Amino acid sequence: MNDLSSLKVKLFADGADLAGMKEMAANPLIRGFTTNPTLMRKAGVTDYKSFALEVLKAIPDRPVSFEVFADDFAQMERQALEIASWGANVNVKIPVTNTKGEFCGPLVERLSRAGVKLNVTALLTLDQVRRVTERLHADTPAIISVFAGRVADTGRDPVPIMAESVKVMRARPKAELIWASPRELLNIFQADAIGCHIITATNDILKKLALVGKDLDRYSLETVEMFHKDAVAAGFDIAIRAAA
């Protein structure tokens, strides 16, 4: 049976709702946080820096990733250096390419050599993992985020890709692999089984941690009870014709 106490993979919370991030920060199982511009927009964030500084004030003791949003590499670099200055626990997210499909490798190399802790994000292929790993400086901590959930969305099994990524990244012992965009709680145990360093999940998924190891007969009965309770609350009725 899956057991939370035996997990080696680190759990990160993925989101940009400050209240939700504070809630997850109170959970000792959560070892770090990731955000992105899409999540920020969804959460109604309008002032990027003010929001980030609020987050870092609330969560000063665990890594937090904030992403650049420029599309040309010179501006990305300027944004990355600014974001990195906000706190020692900041990882700067750099997308693996810009919107033109141009590889971020030279930028990653410059920033990593400068000591900026990166989170290179939106990777989906092993080739991307290899190319990014080669550009990381051996002495600078870094993260590579492979969107395993998006790989699965295409009908492909992400486990072999993630397992091979772990092997590729051994060339950079200070770099960690994130299993990003998980679709279900089971992915946490899949990530753990292949030696993935980190998995980042939304609060909706992380709140299901309480279900780990739950008795399935009990869970089945609770499901039946839920269906019955909701049918009664909705006032559903089916007129049954009397037998002739």
C-alpha atoms as a PDB file:
ATOM      1  CA  MET A   1       0.000   0.000   0.000  1.00  0.00           C
ATOM      2  CA  ASN A   2       1.236   3.518  -0.763  1.00  0.00           C
ATOM      3  CA  ASP A   3       2.528   5.254   2.353  1.00  0.00           C
ATOM      4  CA  LEU A   4       3.250   8.986   2.708  1.00  0.00           C
ATOM      5  CA  SER A   5       5.881   8.385   5.381  1.00  0.00           C
ATOM      6  CA  SER A   6       8.074   6.465   2.933  1.00  0.00           C
ATOM      7  CA  LEU A   7       8.035   9.098   0.174  1.00  0.00           C
ATOM      8  CA  LYS A   8      11.397  10.442  -0.939  1.00  0.00           C
ATOM      9  CA  VAL A   9      10.003  12.740  -3.637  1.00  0.00           C
ATOM     10  CA  LYS A  10       9.512  16.311  -2.413  1.00  0.00           C
ATOM     11  CA  LEU A  11       5.999  17.757  -2.640  1.00  0.00           C
ATOM     12  CA  PHE A  12       5.650  21.280  -4.029  1.00  0.00           C
ATOM     13  CA  ALA A  13       2.381  23.211  -4.240  1.00  0.00           C
ATOM     14  CA  ASP A  14       1.526  24.765  -7.599  1.00  0.00           C
ATOM     15  CA  GLY A  15      -0.673  27.852  -7.517  1.00  0.00           C
ATOM     16  CA  ALA A  16      -0.906  31.623  -7.256  1.00  0.00           C
ATOM     17  CA  ASP A  17      -3.735  32.159  -4.786  1.00  0.00           C
ATOM     18  CA  LEU A  18      -2.031  33.718  -1.762  1.00  0.00           C
ATOM     19  CA  ALA A  19      -4.535  32.316   0.740  1.00  0.00           C
ATOM     20  CA  GLY A  20      -4.163  28.849  -0.750  1.00  0.00           C
ATOM     21  CA  MET A  21      -0.369  29.135  -0.694  1.00  0.00           C
ATOM     22  CA  LYS A  22      -0.441  30.114   2.973  1.00  0.00           C
ATOM     23  CA  GLU A  23      -2.715  27.150   3.681  1.00  0.00           C
ATOM     24  CA  MET A  24      -0.255  24.794   2.007  1.00  0.00           C
ATOM     25  CA  ALA A  25       2.684  26.441   3.786  1.00  0.00           C
ATOM     26  CA  ALA A  26       1.127  25.317   7.067  1.00  0.00           C
ATOM     27  CA  ASN A  27       1.423  21.702   5.910  1.00  0.00           C
ATOM     28  CA  PRO A  28       4.878  20.315   6.802  1.00  0.00           C
ATOM     29  CA  LEU A  29       4.660  17.880   3.874  1.00  0.00           C
ATOM     30  CA  ILE A  30       4.894  20.777   1.402  1.00  0.00           C
ATOM     31  CA  ARG A  31       8.560  21.485   0.673  1.00  0.00           C
ATOM     32  CA  GLY A  32       8.281  24.271  -1.906  1.00  0.00           C
ATOM     33  CA  PHE A  33       6.055  26.263  -4.266  1.00  0.00           C
ATOM     34  CA  THR A  34       5.730  26.956  -7.978  1.00  0.00           C
ATOM     35  CA  THR A  35       3.767  29.619  -9.817  1.00  0.00           C
ATOM     36  CA  ASN A  36       3.366  30.776 -13.409  1.00  0.00           C
ATOM     37  CA  PRO A  37       1.775  33.755 -15.211  1.00  0.00           C
ATOM     38  CA  THR A  38      -1.305  31.736 -16.198  1.00  0.00           C
ATOM     39  CA  LEU A  39      -2.007  30.792 -12.585  1.00  0.00           C
ATOM     40  CA  MET A  40      -1.400  34.380 -11.491  1.00  0.00           C
ATOM     41  CA  ARG A  41      -3.856  35.742 -14.035  1.00  0.00           C
ATOM     42  CA  LYS A  42      -6.437  33.156 -12.979  1.00  0.00           C
ATOM     43  CA  ALA A  43      -5.965  34.207  -9.349  1.00  0.00           C
ATOM     44  CA  GLY A  44      -6.507  37.870 -10.244  1.00  0.00           C
ATOM     45  CA  VAL A  45      -2.928  39.039  -9.656  1.00  0.00           C
ATOM     46  CA  THR A  46      -2.367  42.455 -11.259  1.00  0.00           C
ATOM     47  CA  ASP A  47       0.932  43.590  -9.696  1.00  0.00           C
ATOM     48  CA  TYR A  48       3.513  40.874 -10.324  1.00  0.00           C
ATOM     49  CA  LYS A  49       6.290  42.111  -8.036  1.00  0.00           C
ATOM     50  CA  SER A  50       4.016  43.098  -5.150  1.00  0.00           C
ATOM     51  CA  PHE A  51       2.388  39.685  -5.246  1.00  0.00           C
ATOM     52  CA  ALA A  52       5.750  37.909  -5.328  1.00  0.00           C
ATOM     53  CA  LEU A  53       7.060  39.894  -2.374  1.00  0.00           C
ATOM     54  CA  GLU A  54       3.908  39.088  -0.403  1.00  0.00           C
ATOM     55  CA  VAL A  55       4.433  35.402  -1.128  1.00  0.00           C
ATOM     56  CA  LEU A  56       8.075  35.540  -0.076  1.00  0.00           C
ATOM     57  CA  LYS A  57       7.174  37.346   3.132  1.00  0.00           C
ATOM     58  CA  ALA A  58       4.657  34.607   3.931  1.00  0.00           C
ATOM     59  CA  ILE A  59       6.966  31.775   2.782  1.00  0.00           C
ATOM     60  CA  PRO A  60      10.584  32.724   3.554  1.00  0.00           C
ATOM     61  CA  ASP A  61      11.877  29.257   4.322  1.00  0.00           C
ATOM     62  CA  ARG A  62      11.093  27.149   1.230  1.00  0.00           C
ATOM     63  CA  PRO A  63      11.883  27.510  -2.472  1.00  0.00           C
ATOM     64  CA  VAL A  64       9.404  29.474  -4.575  1.00  0.00           C
ATOM     65  CA  SER A  65       9.523  29.669  -8.379  1.00  0.00           C
ATOM     66  CA  PHE A  66       8.517  32.826 -10.259  1.00  0.00           C
ATOM     67  CA  GLU A  67       8.568  32.979 -14.054  1.00  0.00           C
ATOM     68  CA  VAL A  68       9.846  35.575 -16.484  1.00  0.00           C
ATOM     69  CA  PHE A  69       7.247  36.672 -19.021  1.00  0.00           C
ATOM     70  CA  ALA A  70       9.276  38.465 -21.691  1.00  0.00           C
ATOM     71  CA  ASP A  71       9.608  36.783 -25.081  1.00  0.00           C
ATOM     72  CA  ASP A  72      13.043  38.001 -26.184  1.00  0.00           C
ATOM     73  CA  PHE A  73      16.062  36.606 -24.404  1.00  0.00           C
ATOM     74  CA  ALA A  74      17.684  39.954 -23.537  1.00  0.00           C
ATOM     75  CA  GLN A  75      14.577  41.076 -21.664  1.00  0.00           C
ATOM     76  CA  MET A  76      14.171  37.608 -20.129  1.00  0.00           C
ATOM     77  CA  GLU A  77      17.673  37.964 -18.726  1.00  0.00           C
ATOM     78  CA  ARG A  78      16.924  41.364 -17.211  1.00  0.00           C
ATOM     79  CA  GLN A  79      13.720  40.048 -15.666  1.00  0.00           C
ATOM     80  CA  ALA A  80      15.498  36.946 -14.360  1.00  0.00           C
ATOM     81  CA  LEU A  81      18.153  38.976 -12.555  1.00  0.00           C
ATOM     82  CA  GLU A  82      15.483  41.197 -11.015  1.00  0.00           C
ATOM     83  CA  ILE A  83      13.351  38.258  -9.876  1.00  0.00           C
ATOM     84  CA  ALA A  84      16.401  36.487  -8.431  1.00  0.00           C
ATOM     85  CA  SER A  85      17.120  39.560  -6.301  1.00  0.00           C
ATOM     86  CA  TRP A  86      13.807  39.236  -4.475  1.00  0.00           C
ATOM     87  CA  GLY A  87      14.944  36.451  -2.172  1.00  0.00           C
ATOM     88  CA  ALA A  88      17.497  33.718  -1.536  1.00  0.00           C
ATOM     89  CA  ASN A  89      14.749  31.111  -1.799  1.00  0.00           C
ATOM     90  CA  VAL A  90      13.694  32.176  -5.316  1.00  0.00           C
ATOM     91  CA  ASN A  91      14.039  29.976  -8.383  1.00  0.00           C
ATOM     92  CA  VAL A  92      13.624  31.891 -11.631  1.00  0.00           C
ATOM     93  CA  LYS A  93      11.489  30.072 -14.185  1.00  0.00           C
ATOM     94  CA  ILE A  94      12.757  30.268 -17.759  1.00  0.00           C
ATOM     95  CA  PRO A  95      10.666  28.636 -20.516  1.00  0.00           C
ATOM     96  CA  VAL A  96      12.571  26.092 -22.583  1.00  0.00           C
ATOM     97  CA  THR A  97      11.887  28.169 -25.714  1.00  0.00           C
ATOM     98  CA  ASN A  98      10.359  31.515 -26.542  1.00  0.00           C
ATOM     99  CA  THR A  99       7.166  31.735 -28.596  1.00  0.00           C
ATOM    100  CA  LYS A 100       9.234  31.515 -31.792  1.00  0.00           C
ATOM    101  CA  GLY A 101      10.505  28.098 -30.721  1.00  0.00           C
ATOM    102  CA  GLU A 102      14.049  29.388 -30.127  1.00  0.00           C
ATOM    103  CA  PHE A 103      15.917  27.338 -27.519  1.00  0.00           C
ATOM    104  CA  CYS A 104      16.734  29.070 -24.235  1.00  0.00           C
ATOM    105  CA  GLY A 105      20.081  27.281 -23.806  1.00  0.00           C
ATOM    106  CA  PRO A 106      22.458  30.252 -24.119  1.00  0.00           C
ATOM    107  CA  LEU A 107      20.401  32.254 -21.617  1.00  0.00           C
ATOM    108  CA  VAL A 108      20.262  29.324 -19.203  1.00  0.00           C
ATOM    109  CA  GLU A 109      24.018  28.955 -19.451  1.00  0.00           C
ATOM    110  CA  ARG A 110      24.683  32.643 -18.727  1.00  0.00           C
ATOM    111  CA  LEU A 111      22.311  32.806 -15.785  1.00  0.00           C
ATOM    112  CA  SER A 112      23.436  29.512 -14.298  1.00  0.00           C
ATOM    113  CA  ARG A 113      27.095  30.569 -14.545  1.00  0.00           C
ATOM    114  CA  ALA A 114      26.133  33.805 -12.791  1.00  0.00           C
ATOM    115  CA  GLY A 115      24.759  31.784  -9.868  1.00  0.00           C
ATOM    116  CA  VAL A 116      21.060  32.312 -10.577  1.00  0.00           C
ATOM    117  CA  LYS A 117      18.981  29.391  -9.370  1.00  0.00           C
ATOM    118  CA  LEU A 118      16.776  28.484 -12.313  1.00  0.00           C
ATOM    119  CA  ASN A 119      13.653  26.456 -12.917  1.00  0.00           C
ATOM    120  CA  VAL A 120      13.693  25.702 -16.633  1.00  0.00           C
ATOM    121  CA  THR A 121      10.091  24.980 -17.467  1.00  0.00           C
ATOM    122  CA  ALA A 122       7.620  23.635 -20.050  1.00  0.00           C
ATOM    123  CA  LEU A 123       9.812  20.736 -21.187  1.00  0.00           C
ATOM    124  CA  LEU A 124       8.055  17.720 -22.709  1.00  0.00           C
ATOM    125  CA  THR A 125      10.808  15.708 -24.427  1.00  0.00           C
ATOM    126  CA  LEU A 126      13.973  13.890 -23.468  1.00  0.00           C
ATOM    127  CA  ASP A 127      15.912  15.852 -26.060  1.00  0.00           C
ATOM    128  CA  GLN A 128      14.925  19.062 -24.288  1.00  0.00           C
ATOM    129  CA  VAL A 129      16.062  17.596 -20.957  1.00  0.00           C
ATOM    130  CA  ARG A 130      19.436  16.647 -22.412  1.00  0.00           C
ATOM    131  CA  ARG A 131      19.971  20.056 -24.001  1.00  0.00           C
ATOM    132  CA  VAL A 132      19.027  21.990 -20.877  1.00  0.00           C
ATOM    133  CA  THR A 133      21.101  19.764 -18.579  1.00  0.00           C
ATOM    134  CA  GLU A 134      24.184  20.424 -20.702  1.00  0.00           C
ATOM    135  CA  ARG A 135      23.755  24.172 -20.211  1.00  0.00           C
ATOM    136  CA  LEU A 136      23.484  24.131 -16.414  1.00  0.00           C
ATOM    137  CA  HIS A 137      26.539  25.059 -14.389  1.00  0.00           C
ATOM    138  CA  ALA A 138      27.616  22.164 -12.205  1.00  0.00           C
ATOM    139  CA  ASP A 139      27.948  24.302  -9.074  1.00  0.00           C
ATOM    140  CA  THR A 140      24.613  26.140  -9.274  1.00  0.00           C
ATOM    141  CA  PRO A 141      21.411  24.527  -7.969  1.00  0.00           C
ATOM    142  CA  ALA A 142      18.681  24.265 -10.592  1.00  0.00           C
ATOM    143  CA  ILE A 143      15.371  22.658 -11.403  1.00  0.00           C
ATOM    144  CA  ILE A 144      14.106  21.214 -14.671  1.00  0.00           C
ATOM    145  CA  SER A 145      10.315  20.978 -14.945  1.00  0.00           C
ATOM    146  CA  VAL A 146       9.004  18.294 -17.293  1.00  0.00           C
ATOM    147  CA  PHE A 147       5.257  18.532 -17.818  1.00  0.00           C
ATOM    148  CA  ALA A 148       4.488  14.850 -17.395  1.00  0.00           C
ATOM    149  CA  GLY A 149       0.756  15.529 -17.174  1.00  0.00           C
ATOM    150  CA  ARG A 150       0.744  17.158 -20.601  1.00  0.00           C
ATOM    151  CA  VAL A 151       2.697  14.226 -21.991  1.00  0.00           C
ATOM    152  CA  ALA A 152      -0.031  11.943 -20.613  1.00  0.00           C
ATOM    153  CA  ASP A 153      -2.701  14.159 -22.171  1.00  0.00           C
ATOM    154  CA  THR A 154      -1.358  13.140 -25.593  1.00  0.00           C
ATOM    155  CA  GLY A 155      -1.890   9.438 -24.877  1.00  0.00           C
ATOM    156  CA  ARG A 156       1.774   8.792 -24.082  1.00  0.00           C
ATOM    157  CA  ASP A 157       3.003   7.175 -20.866  1.00  0.00           C
ATOM    158  CA  PRO A 158       5.185   9.797 -19.145  1.00  0.00           C
ATOM    159  CA  VAL A 159       6.882   7.353 -16.778  1.00  0.00           C
ATOM    160  CA  PRO A 160       9.631   6.178 -19.196  1.00  0.00           C
ATOM    161  CA  ILE A 161      10.413   9.781 -20.165  1.00  0.00           C
ATOM    162  CA  MET A 162      10.618  10.864 -16.534  1.00  0.00           C
ATOM    163  CA  ALA A 163      12.715   7.852 -15.519  1.00  0.00           C
ATOM    164  CA  GLU A 164      15.209   8.521 -18.304  1.00  0.00           C
ATOM    165  CA  SER A 165      15.271  12.218 -17.400  1.00  0.00           C
ATOM    166  CA  VAL A 166      16.397  11.288 -13.887  1.00  0.00           C
ATOM    167  CA  LYS A 167      19.324   9.400 -15.418  1.00  0.00           C
ATOM    168  CA  VAL A 168      20.239  12.223 -17.806  1.00  0.00           C
ATOM    169  CA  MET A 169      20.301  14.764 -15.007  1.00  0.00           C
ATOM    170  CA  ARG A 170      22.784  12.777 -12.937  1.00  0.00           C
ATOM    171  CA  ALA A 171      25.404  14.686 -14.903  1.00  0.00           C
ATOM    172  CA  ARG A 172      24.394  17.717 -12.805  1.00  0.00           C
ATOM    173  CA  PRO A 173      24.076  16.520  -9.192  1.00  0.00           C
ATOM    174  CA  LYS A 174      22.802  19.923  -8.027  1.00  0.00           C
ATOM    175  CA  ALA A 175      19.934  19.879 -10.514  1.00  0.00           C
ATOM    176  CA  GLU A 176      16.542  18.433  -9.592  1.00  0.00           C
ATOM    177  CA  LEU A 177      13.757  17.109 -11.794  1.00  0.00           C
ATOM    178  CA  ILE A 178      10.159  18.228 -11.266  1.00  0.00           C
ATOM    179  CA  TRP A 179       7.240  16.045 -12.362  1.00  0.00           C
ATOM    180  CA  ALA A 180       4.976  18.924 -13.371  1.00  0.00           C
ATOM    181  CA  SER A 181       1.243  19.097 -14.146  1.00  0.00           C
ATOM    182  CA  PRO A 182       0.227  15.825 -12.472  1.00  0.00           C
ATOM    183  CA  ARG A 183      -3.349  14.754 -13.131  1.00  0.00           C
ATOM    184  CA  GLU A 184      -3.982  12.531 -10.101  1.00  0.00           C
ATOM    185  CA  LEU A 185      -2.565  11.670  -6.698  1.00  0.00           C
ATOM    186  CA  LEU A 186      -1.165   8.380  -8.035  1.00  0.00           C
ATOM    187  CA  ASN A 187       1.385  10.429  -9.982  1.00  0.00           C
ATOM    188  CA  ILE A 188       3.102  11.291  -6.688  1.00  0.00           C
ATOM    189  CA  PHE A 189       3.873   7.633  -6.077  1.00  0.00           C
ATOM    190  CA  GLN A 190       4.878   7.100  -9.706  1.00  0.00           C
ATOM    191  CA  ALA A 191       7.307  10.005  -9.426  1.00  0.00           C
ATOM    192  CA  ASP A 192       8.681   8.613  -6.182  1.00  0.00           C
ATOM    193  CA  ALA A 193       9.157   5.139  -7.657  1.00  0.00           C
ATOM    194  CA  ILE A 194      11.428   6.379 -10.463  1.00  0.00           C
ATOM    195  CA  GLY A 195      13.518   8.610  -8.204  1.00  0.00           C
ATOM    196  CA  CYS A 196      12.105  11.940  -9.399  1.00  0.00           C
ATOM    197  CA  HIS A 197      13.264  14.655  -7.013  1.00  0.00           C
ATOM    198  CA  ILE A 198      10.134  16.829  -6.867  1.00  0.00           C
ATOM    199  CA  ILE A 199       6.483  16.753  -7.913  1.00  0.00           C
ATOM    200  CA  THR A 200       4.453  19.966  -7.985  1.00  0.00           C
ATOM    201  CA  ALA A 201       0.685  19.741  -7.773  1.00  0.00           C
ATOM    202  CA  THR A 202      -2.303  22.022  -7.373  1.00  0.00           C
ATOM    203  CA  ASN A 203      -4.036  22.340  -4.024  1.00  0.00           C
ATOM    204  CA  ASP A 204      -6.966  20.266  -5.332  1.00  0.00           C
ATOM    205  CA  ILE A 205      -4.658  17.290  -5.809  1.00  0.00           C
ATOM    206  CA  LEU A 206      -2.638  17.849  -2.648  1.00  0.00           C
ATOM    207  CA  LYS A 207      -5.800  17.948  -0.532  1.00  0.00           C
ATOM    208  CA  LYS A 208      -6.377  14.341  -1.578  1.00  0.00           C
ATOM    209  CA  LEU A 209      -3.335  13.284   0.453  1.00  0.00           C
ATOM    210  CA  ALA A 210      -5.770  12.544   3.272  1.00  0.00           C
ATOM    211  CA  LEU A 211      -7.153   9.715   1.126  1.00  0.00           C
ATOM    212  CA  VAL A 212      -3.871   7.807   0.904  1.00  0.00           C
ATOM    213  CA  GLY A 213      -4.380   4.293   2.248  1.00  0.00           C
ATOM    214  CA  LYS A 214      -8.124   4.784   2.793  1.00  0.00           C
ATOM    215  CA  ASP A 215     -10.136   1.569   3.065  1.00  0.00           C
ATOM    216  CA  LEU A 216     -11.757   1.033  -0.331  1.00  0.00           C
ATOM    217  CA  ASP A 217     -14.900  -0.656   1.038  1.00  0.00           C
ATOM    218  CA  ARG A 218     -15.440   2.347   3.303  1.00  0.00           C
ATOM    219  CA  TYR A 219     -14.779   4.688   0.370  1.00  0.00           C
ATOM    220  CA  SER A 220     -17.287   2.759  -1.773  1.00  0.00           C
ATOM    221  CA  LEU A 221     -19.984   3.108   0.880  1.00  0.00           C
ATOM    222  CA  GLU A 222     -19.277   6.837   1.239  1.00  0.00           C
ATOM    223  CA  THR A 223     -19.688   7.218  -2.524  1.00  0.00           C
ATOM    224  CA  VAL A 224     -23.065   5.473  -2.434  1.00  0.00           C
ATOM    225  CA  GLU A 225     -24.113   7.655   0.483  1.00  0.00           C
ATOM    226  CA  MET A 226     -23.114  10.771  -1.446  1.00  0.00           C
ATOM    227  CA  PHE A 227     -25.196   9.804  -4.483  1.00  0.00           C
ATOM    228  CA  HIS A 228     -28.223   9.083  -2.285  1.00  0.00           C
ATOM    229  CA  LYS A 229     -27.868  12.279  -0.254  1.00  0.00           C
ATOM    230  CA  ASP A 230     -27.621  14.443  -3.385  1.00  0.00           C
ATOM    231  CA  ALA A 231     -30.592  12.743  -5.049  1.00  0.00           C
ATOM    232  CA  VAL A 232     -32.724  13.370  -1.967  1.00  0.00           C
ATOM    233  CA  ALA A 233     -31.500  16.970  -1.643  1.00  0.00           C
ATOM    234  CA  ALA A 234     -32.358  17.629  -5.294  1.00  0.00           C
ATOM    235  CA  GLY A 235     -35.876  16.335  -4.746  1.00  0.00           C
ATOM    236  CA  PHE A 236     -35.641  13.903  -7.644  1.00  0.00           C
ATOM    237  CA  ASP A 237     -38.714  11.771  -8.270  1.00  0.00           C
ATOM    238  CA  ILE A 238     -39.589   9.200 -10.881  1.00  0.00           C
ATOM    239  CA  ALA A 239     -43.276   8.565 -11.400  1.00  0.00           C
ATOM    240  CA  ILE A 240     -43.791   4.800 -11.416  1.00  0.00           C
ATOM    241  CA  ARG A 241     -46.827   3.551 -13.306  1.00  0.00           C
ATOM    242  CA  ALA A 242     -48.913   1.107 -11.391  1.00  0.00           C
ATOM    243  CA  ALA A 243     -48.927  -2.410 -12.842  1.00  0.00           C
ATOM    244  CA  ALA A 244     -51.974  -3.067 -15.020  1.00  0.00           C
END
